[in-house]
Protein backbone atom coordinates (compact mmCIF):
# COMPACT_ATOMS: atom_id res chain seq x y z
CA ARG A 1 49.89 5.07 -24.33
CA VAL A 2 48.37 1.74 -25.30
CA THR A 3 49.95 -1.62 -24.55
CA LYS A 4 48.87 -4.81 -26.21
CA GLU A 5 50.32 -8.29 -25.94
CA VAL A 6 50.60 -10.24 -29.18
CA ASP A 7 52.39 -13.38 -30.27
CA SER A 8 55.93 -12.63 -31.42
CA THR A 9 55.36 -14.48 -34.70
CA SER A 10 52.16 -12.62 -35.57
CA LYS A 11 51.87 -10.20 -38.46
CA GLU A 12 51.16 -7.32 -36.10
CA ALA A 13 54.31 -7.96 -34.06
CA LYS A 14 56.47 -8.11 -37.16
CA SER A 15 55.10 -4.82 -38.50
CA PHE A 16 55.68 -3.19 -35.09
CA LEU A 17 59.29 -4.36 -35.03
CA LYS A 18 59.84 -2.98 -38.54
CA GLN A 19 58.47 0.39 -37.43
CA GLN A 20 60.76 0.42 -34.42
CA GLU A 21 63.77 -0.31 -36.63
CA LYS A 22 62.80 2.52 -38.99
CA TRP A 23 62.45 4.97 -36.11
CA GLN A 24 65.79 3.96 -34.59
CA SER A 25 67.62 4.16 -37.90
CA ALA A 26 66.00 7.51 -38.75
CA ALA A 27 66.69 9.17 -35.39
CA PRO A 28 70.51 9.46 -35.60
CA ALA A 29 70.39 10.49 -39.26
CA SER A 30 67.93 13.30 -38.58
CA LEU A 31 70.43 15.34 -36.54
CA PRO A 32 73.22 16.80 -38.67
CA THR A 33 76.73 16.45 -37.28
CA VAL A 34 78.50 18.84 -39.61
CA SER A 35 80.04 21.76 -37.75
CA GLY A 36 78.51 25.13 -38.50
CA VAL A 37 75.01 23.73 -38.92
CA LYS A 38 72.59 24.55 -36.14
CA ARG A 39 70.95 21.65 -34.46
CA PRO A 40 67.52 22.24 -32.99
CA SER A 41 67.63 22.15 -29.23
CA GLY A 42 65.31 22.63 -26.34
CA MET A 43 61.65 21.93 -25.92
CA SER A 44 60.68 22.71 -29.53
CA SER A 45 62.90 19.96 -30.93
CA LEU A 46 61.54 17.41 -28.49
CA LEU A 47 57.97 18.35 -29.29
CA GLY A 48 58.75 18.25 -33.00
CA LYS A 49 60.12 14.72 -32.72
CA ILE A 50 57.20 13.50 -30.67
CA GLY A 51 54.50 15.23 -32.73
CA SER A 52 55.76 14.22 -36.15
CA LYS A 53 55.66 10.45 -35.59
CA LYS A 54 52.03 10.03 -34.49
CA GLN A 55 50.07 7.32 -36.21
CA LYS A 56 46.44 7.96 -36.97
CA MET A 57 43.89 5.49 -35.62
CA SER A 58 40.57 4.90 -37.32
CA THR A 59 37.29 4.85 -35.43
CA LEU A 60 36.97 1.10 -35.92
CA GLU A 61 40.45 0.46 -34.54
CA LYS A 62 39.76 2.68 -31.55
CA SER A 63 36.43 0.97 -30.86
CA LYS A 64 38.03 -2.46 -31.11
CA LEU A 65 40.80 -1.40 -28.75
CA ASP A 66 38.30 0.06 -26.27
CA TRP A 67 36.22 -3.14 -26.38
CA GLU A 68 39.27 -5.33 -25.78
CA ASN A 69 40.32 -3.17 -22.82
CA PHE A 70 36.79 -3.25 -21.38
CA LYS A 71 36.64 -7.05 -21.62
CA GLU A 72 39.98 -7.36 -19.82
CA GLU A 73 39.07 -4.84 -17.10
CA GLU A 74 35.72 -6.48 -16.39
CA GLY A 75 37.11 -10.02 -16.61
CA ILE A 76 34.42 -11.19 -19.03
CA VAL A 77 36.62 -12.63 -21.77
CA GLU A 78 35.99 -16.27 -20.83
CA GLU A 79 32.31 -15.68 -20.12
CA LEU A 80 31.82 -14.14 -23.58
CA ALA A 81 33.66 -17.02 -25.21
CA ILE A 82 31.41 -19.53 -23.47
CA HIS A 83 28.17 -17.71 -24.25
CA ASN A 84 29.03 -17.20 -27.90
CA ARG A 85 29.12 -20.95 -28.49
CA GLY A 86 26.18 -23.08 -29.53
CA LYS A 87 23.17 -23.35 -27.24
CA ASP A 88 24.35 -20.70 -24.80
CA GLY A 89 24.53 -18.04 -27.50
CA TYR A 90 22.40 -14.91 -27.35
CA ILE A 91 20.54 -15.60 -30.59
CA GLU A 92 19.73 -19.17 -29.55
CA ARG A 93 18.37 -18.00 -26.21
CA LYS A 94 16.21 -15.32 -27.87
CA ALA A 95 14.80 -17.84 -30.35
CA PHE A 96 14.03 -20.25 -27.49
CA LEU A 97 12.20 -17.54 -25.52
CA GLU A 98 10.16 -16.59 -28.59
CA ARG A 99 9.11 -20.24 -29.14
CA VAL A 100 8.11 -20.59 -25.49
CA ASP A 101 6.14 -17.34 -25.62
CA HIS A 102 4.35 -18.46 -28.79
CA ARG A 103 3.43 -21.84 -27.27
CA GLN A 104 2.15 -20.16 -24.12
CA PHE A 105 0.00 -17.83 -26.23
CA GLU A 106 -1.46 -20.80 -28.15
CA ILE A 107 -2.32 -22.61 -24.91
CA GLU A 108 -4.01 -19.53 -23.47
CA ARG A 109 -5.90 -18.98 -26.74
CA ASP A 110 -7.16 -22.57 -26.75
CA ILE A 111 -8.38 -22.17 -23.17
CA ARG A 112 -10.22 -18.94 -24.01
CA LEU A 113 -11.84 -20.48 -27.08
CA SER A 114 -12.94 -23.57 -25.18
CA ARG A 115 -14.63 -21.38 -22.56
CA MET A 116 -16.56 -19.43 -25.20
CA LYS A 117 -18.15 -22.43 -26.98
CA PRO A 118 -20.46 -23.81 -24.25
């Protein structure tokens, strides 16, 4: 079972509430009350009710859900938010390191060339 907190006014919350209303309204109507008609009972009826209402989840949805759970478990939500902004971003840091490496190479090259000339 997956639990997720969302804002009560969000689109996702509204669709969830609509689903819950459909399930509640469909549950009493699914069992016939007319005498002489057999009602399913026992374990098979319970399994039938549970198994028939499963929603399929795509790979992308599952991956997103797993990532959100991982961020919450590890407590890295705020850290990721900070590092994804501006100068502290991963791409910016990589670009900076490449520029530094290139400058260092040029300095070392100039030193080697200056030693070779005399």
